């Protein structure tokens, strides 16, 4: 176990950050799932910019890799375009 005060604080703050990152990642995955399940093109076009922003934020904070975010965004854009 950690011996220094700063190491103990790091353990506490890492727990909080992990919870926040899990929440943001799960929320984004649910939004992607909802977009893929949508059959209405107008609604899908409305959802796409917000989901792209969510993916960009996750990539910026290194929760997901930037290339994964780019691949997901291009796949979703193609999906919406082919509706």
N, C-alpha and C. Protein backbone atom coordinates (compact mmCIF):
# COMPACT_ATOMS: atom_id res chain seq x y z
N UNK A 1 0.84 -1.18 0.00
CA UNK A 1 0.00 0.00 0.00
C UNK A 1 0.89 1.24 0.00
N UNK A 2 0.30 2.35 -0.38
CA UNK A 2 1.05 3.60 -0.48
C UNK A 2 1.51 4.07 0.90
N UNK A 3 2.70 4.65 0.95
CA UNK A 3 3.26 5.11 2.21
C UNK A 3 3.25 6.62 2.36
N UNK A 4 3.22 7.34 1.26
CA UNK A 4 3.29 8.79 1.32
C UNK A 4 1.90 9.40 1.20
N UNK A 5 1.78 10.60 1.79
CA UNK A 5 0.51 11.29 1.75
C UNK A 5 0.07 11.56 0.31
N UNK A 6 1.02 11.97 -0.52
CA UNK A 6 0.68 12.29 -1.91
C UNK A 6 0.25 11.04 -2.68
N UNK A 7 0.85 9.89 -2.34
CA UNK A 7 0.48 8.64 -3.00
C UNK A 7 -0.93 8.23 -2.60
N UNK A 8 -1.29 8.45 -1.35
CA UNK A 8 -2.65 8.14 -0.90
C UNK A 8 -3.67 9.04 -1.60
N UNK A 9 -3.30 10.31 -1.75
CA UNK A 9 -4.20 11.23 -2.46
C UNK A 9 -4.33 10.80 -3.92
N UNK A 10 -3.25 10.36 -4.51
CA UNK A 10 -3.28 9.91 -5.90
C UNK A 10 -4.23 8.71 -6.06
N UNK A 11 -4.22 7.80 -5.10
CA UNK A 11 -5.12 6.65 -5.14
C UNK A 11 -6.57 7.11 -5.11
N UNK A 12 -6.86 8.07 -4.21
CA UNK A 12 -8.23 8.59 -4.11
C UNK A 12 -8.65 9.30 -5.39
N UNK A 13 -7.78 10.15 -5.91
CA UNK A 13 -8.16 10.92 -7.11
C UNK A 13 -8.26 10.01 -8.32
N UNK A 14 -7.44 8.97 -8.40
CA UNK A 14 -7.52 8.02 -9.51
C UNK A 14 -8.85 7.29 -9.52
N UNK A 15 -9.37 6.95 -8.34
CA UNK A 15 -10.68 6.30 -8.27
C UNK A 15 -11.76 7.21 -8.84
N UNK A 16 -11.72 8.48 -8.45
CA UNK A 16 -12.73 9.42 -8.93
C UNK A 16 -12.62 9.61 -10.44
N UNK A 17 -11.41 9.73 -10.94
CA UNK A 17 -11.21 9.91 -12.38
C UNK A 17 -11.65 8.68 -13.15
N UNK A 18 -11.38 7.50 -12.60
CA UNK A 18 -11.78 6.26 -13.26
C UNK A 18 -13.29 6.18 -13.38
N UNK A 19 -14.00 6.53 -12.31
CA UNK A 19 -15.46 6.52 -12.35
C UNK A 19 -15.99 7.49 -13.38
N UNK A 20 -15.42 8.69 -13.42
CA UNK A 20 -15.88 9.70 -14.37
C UNK A 20 -15.61 9.24 -15.81
N UNK A 21 -14.43 8.69 -16.05
CA UNK A 21 -14.09 8.21 -17.40
C UNK A 21 -15.01 7.06 -17.83
N UNK A 22 -15.30 6.14 -16.91
CA UNK A 22 -16.20 5.03 -17.22
C UNK A 22 -17.59 5.54 -17.59
N UNK A 23 -18.07 6.53 -16.83
CA UNK A 23 -19.39 7.10 -17.09
C UNK A 23 -19.43 7.75 -18.46
N UNK A 24 -18.42 8.56 -18.78
CA UNK A 24 -18.40 9.25 -20.07
C UNK A 24 -18.28 8.25 -21.22
N UNK A 25 -17.46 7.23 -21.06
CA UNK A 25 -17.28 6.23 -22.11
C UNK A 25 -18.56 5.44 -22.33
N UNK A 26 -19.21 5.03 -21.25
CA UNK A 26 -20.44 4.26 -21.37
C UNK A 26 -21.56 5.10 -21.99
N UNK A 27 -21.64 6.37 -21.60
CA UNK A 27 -22.65 7.26 -22.17
C UNK A 27 -22.46 7.41 -23.67
N UNK A 28 -21.22 7.54 -24.10
CA UNK A 28 -20.92 7.67 -25.53
C UNK A 28 -21.27 6.39 -26.27
N UNK A 29 -20.94 5.25 -25.69
CA UNK A 29 -21.27 3.98 -26.35
C UNK A 29 -22.77 3.80 -26.49
N UNK A 30 -23.53 4.20 -25.47
CA UNK A 30 -24.99 4.12 -25.55
C UNK A 30 -25.52 5.05 -26.63
N UNK A 31 -24.94 6.23 -26.74
CA UNK A 31 -25.38 7.18 -27.77
C UNK A 31 -25.10 6.63 -29.16
N UNK A 32 -23.95 6.00 -29.34
CA UNK A 32 -23.60 5.39 -30.63
C UNK A 32 -24.59 4.27 -30.95
N UNK A 33 -24.91 3.46 -29.95
CA UNK A 33 -25.85 2.36 -30.16
C UNK A 33 -27.22 2.91 -30.57
N UNK A 34 -27.65 3.99 -29.92
CA UNK A 34 -28.94 4.60 -30.26
C UNK A 34 -28.93 5.17 -31.67
N UNK A 35 -27.81 5.75 -32.08
CA UNK A 35 -27.71 6.29 -33.44
C UNK A 35 -27.80 5.18 -34.47
N UNK A 36 -27.09 4.09 -34.22
CA UNK A 36 -27.11 2.97 -35.18
C UNK A 36 -28.49 2.31 -35.25
N UNK A 37 -29.24 2.36 -34.15
CA UNK A 37 -30.57 1.75 -34.12
C UNK A 37 -31.63 2.64 -34.75
N UNK A 38 -31.32 3.92 -34.92
CA UNK A 38 -32.29 4.86 -35.47
C UNK A 38 -32.52 4.58 -36.95
N UNK A 39 -33.78 4.63 -37.36
CA UNK A 39 -34.11 4.42 -38.77
C UNK A 39 -34.46 5.73 -39.47
N UNK A 40 -34.69 6.79 -38.69
CA UNK A 40 -35.05 8.09 -39.25
C UNK A 40 -33.78 8.88 -39.55
N UNK A 41 -33.59 9.24 -40.83
CA UNK A 41 -32.36 9.93 -41.24
C UNK A 41 -32.25 11.31 -40.62
N UNK A 42 -33.34 12.06 -40.54
CA UNK A 42 -33.30 13.40 -39.98
C UNK A 42 -32.86 13.38 -38.51
N UNK A 43 -33.38 12.42 -37.77
CA UNK A 43 -33.00 12.30 -36.36
C UNK A 43 -31.54 11.89 -36.23
N UNK A 44 -31.10 11.00 -37.10
CA UNK A 44 -29.71 10.55 -37.07
C UNK A 44 -28.76 11.71 -37.38
N UNK A 45 -29.14 12.55 -38.36
CA UNK A 45 -28.31 13.71 -38.69
C UNK A 45 -28.25 14.71 -37.54
N UNK A 46 -29.31 14.75 -36.74
CA UNK A 46 -29.34 15.64 -35.60
C UNK A 46 -28.44 15.11 -34.48
N UNK A 47 -28.38 13.77 -34.32
CA UNK A 47 -27.57 13.16 -33.26
C UNK A 47 -26.08 13.14 -33.58
N UNK A 48 -25.74 13.08 -34.86
CA UNK A 48 -24.34 12.88 -35.27
C UNK A 48 -23.38 13.94 -34.72
N UNK A 49 -23.67 15.25 -34.80
CA UNK A 49 -22.70 16.23 -34.28
C UNK A 49 -22.44 16.10 -32.78
N UNK A 50 -23.48 15.79 -32.00
CA UNK A 50 -23.26 15.66 -30.56
C UNK A 50 -22.41 14.43 -30.24
N UNK A 51 -22.63 13.35 -30.97
CA UNK A 51 -21.84 12.15 -30.74
C UNK A 51 -20.40 12.36 -31.18
N UNK A 52 -20.21 13.08 -32.27
CA UNK A 52 -18.85 13.39 -32.72
C UNK A 52 -18.12 14.21 -31.66
N UNK A 53 -18.83 15.14 -31.05
CA UNK A 53 -18.22 15.93 -29.98
C UNK A 53 -17.86 15.08 -28.78
N UNK A 54 -18.72 14.14 -28.45
CA UNK A 54 -18.44 13.24 -27.32
C UNK A 54 -17.18 12.42 -27.60
N UNK A 55 -17.06 11.91 -28.83
CA UNK A 55 -15.89 11.11 -29.20
C UNK A 55 -14.63 11.96 -29.17
N UNK A 56 -14.73 13.20 -29.64
CA UNK A 56 -13.57 14.09 -29.62
C UNK A 56 -13.11 14.36 -28.19
N UNK A 57 -14.06 14.55 -27.29
CA UNK A 57 -13.70 14.78 -25.89
C UNK A 57 -13.01 13.56 -25.28
N UNK A 58 -13.52 12.37 -25.59
CA UNK A 58 -12.91 11.16 -25.06
C UNK A 58 -11.49 11.00 -25.59
N UNK A 59 -11.29 11.32 -26.87
CA UNK A 59 -9.96 11.20 -27.46
C UNK A 59 -9.01 12.25 -26.86
N UNK A 60 -9.52 13.46 -26.64
CA UNK A 60 -8.70 14.53 -26.08
C UNK A 60 -8.20 14.18 -24.69
N UNK A 61 -9.04 13.49 -23.92
CA UNK A 61 -8.68 13.12 -22.55
C UNK A 61 -8.01 11.75 -22.48
N UNK A 62 -7.68 11.17 -23.64
CA UNK A 62 -7.01 9.87 -23.72
C UNK A 62 -7.80 8.74 -23.10
N UNK A 63 -9.12 8.85 -23.11
CA UNK A 63 -9.96 7.75 -22.65
C UNK A 63 -10.03 6.71 -23.76
N UNK A 64 -10.10 7.19 -25.01
CA UNK A 64 -9.98 6.30 -26.16
C UNK A 64 -8.88 6.88 -27.06
N UNK A 65 -8.33 6.08 -27.93
CA UNK A 65 -7.28 6.52 -28.84
C UNK A 65 -7.87 7.43 -29.90
N UNK A 66 -7.09 8.40 -30.35
CA UNK A 66 -7.61 9.36 -31.33
C UNK A 66 -7.98 8.70 -32.65
N UNK A 67 -7.25 7.64 -33.03
CA UNK A 67 -7.58 6.96 -34.28
C UNK A 67 -8.90 6.18 -34.14
N UNK A 68 -9.16 5.64 -32.96
CA UNK A 68 -10.42 4.95 -32.74
C UNK A 68 -11.57 5.93 -32.85
N UNK A 69 -11.39 7.12 -32.28
CA UNK A 69 -12.43 8.15 -32.37
C UNK A 69 -12.68 8.52 -33.83
N UNK A 70 -11.61 8.68 -34.59
CA UNK A 70 -11.75 9.04 -36.00
C UNK A 70 -12.44 7.93 -36.78
N UNK A 71 -12.10 6.69 -36.49
CA UNK A 71 -12.74 5.56 -37.18
C UNK A 71 -14.22 5.48 -36.85
N UNK A 72 -14.57 5.67 -35.59
CA UNK A 72 -15.97 5.64 -35.19
C UNK A 72 -16.75 6.77 -35.86
N UNK A 73 -16.17 7.97 -35.86
CA UNK A 73 -16.85 9.12 -36.46
C UNK A 73 -17.08 8.92 -37.95
N UNK A 74 -16.07 8.41 -38.67
CA UNK A 74 -16.25 8.22 -40.11
C UNK A 74 -17.24 7.09 -40.38
N UNK A 75 -17.23 6.06 -39.55
CA UNK A 75 -18.20 4.97 -39.73
C UNK A 75 -19.62 5.43 -39.48
N UNK A 76 -19.80 6.27 -38.47
CA UNK A 76 -21.14 6.78 -38.18
C UNK A 76 -21.60 7.74 -39.27
N UNK A 77 -20.69 8.56 -39.77
CA UNK A 77 -21.05 9.49 -40.86
C UNK A 77 -21.46 8.73 -42.10
N UNK A 78 -20.73 7.64 -42.41
CA UNK A 78 -21.09 6.81 -43.57
C UNK A 78 -22.43 6.13 -43.35
N UNK A 79 -22.67 5.69 -42.13
CA UNK A 79 -23.93 5.04 -41.80
C UNK A 79 -25.11 5.99 -42.01
N UNK A 80 -24.94 7.22 -41.55
CA UNK A 80 -26.01 8.22 -41.68
C UNK A 80 -26.19 8.59 -43.15
N UNK A 81 -25.10 8.70 -43.89
CA UNK A 81 -25.19 9.08 -45.31
C UNK A 81 -25.89 8.00 -46.14
N UNK A 82 -25.74 6.74 -45.74
CA UNK A 82 -26.34 5.63 -46.51
C UNK A 82 -27.74 5.29 -46.09
N UNK A 83 -28.31 6.06 -45.18
CA UNK A 83 -29.68 5.77 -44.72
C UNK A 83 -30.68 6.10 -45.81
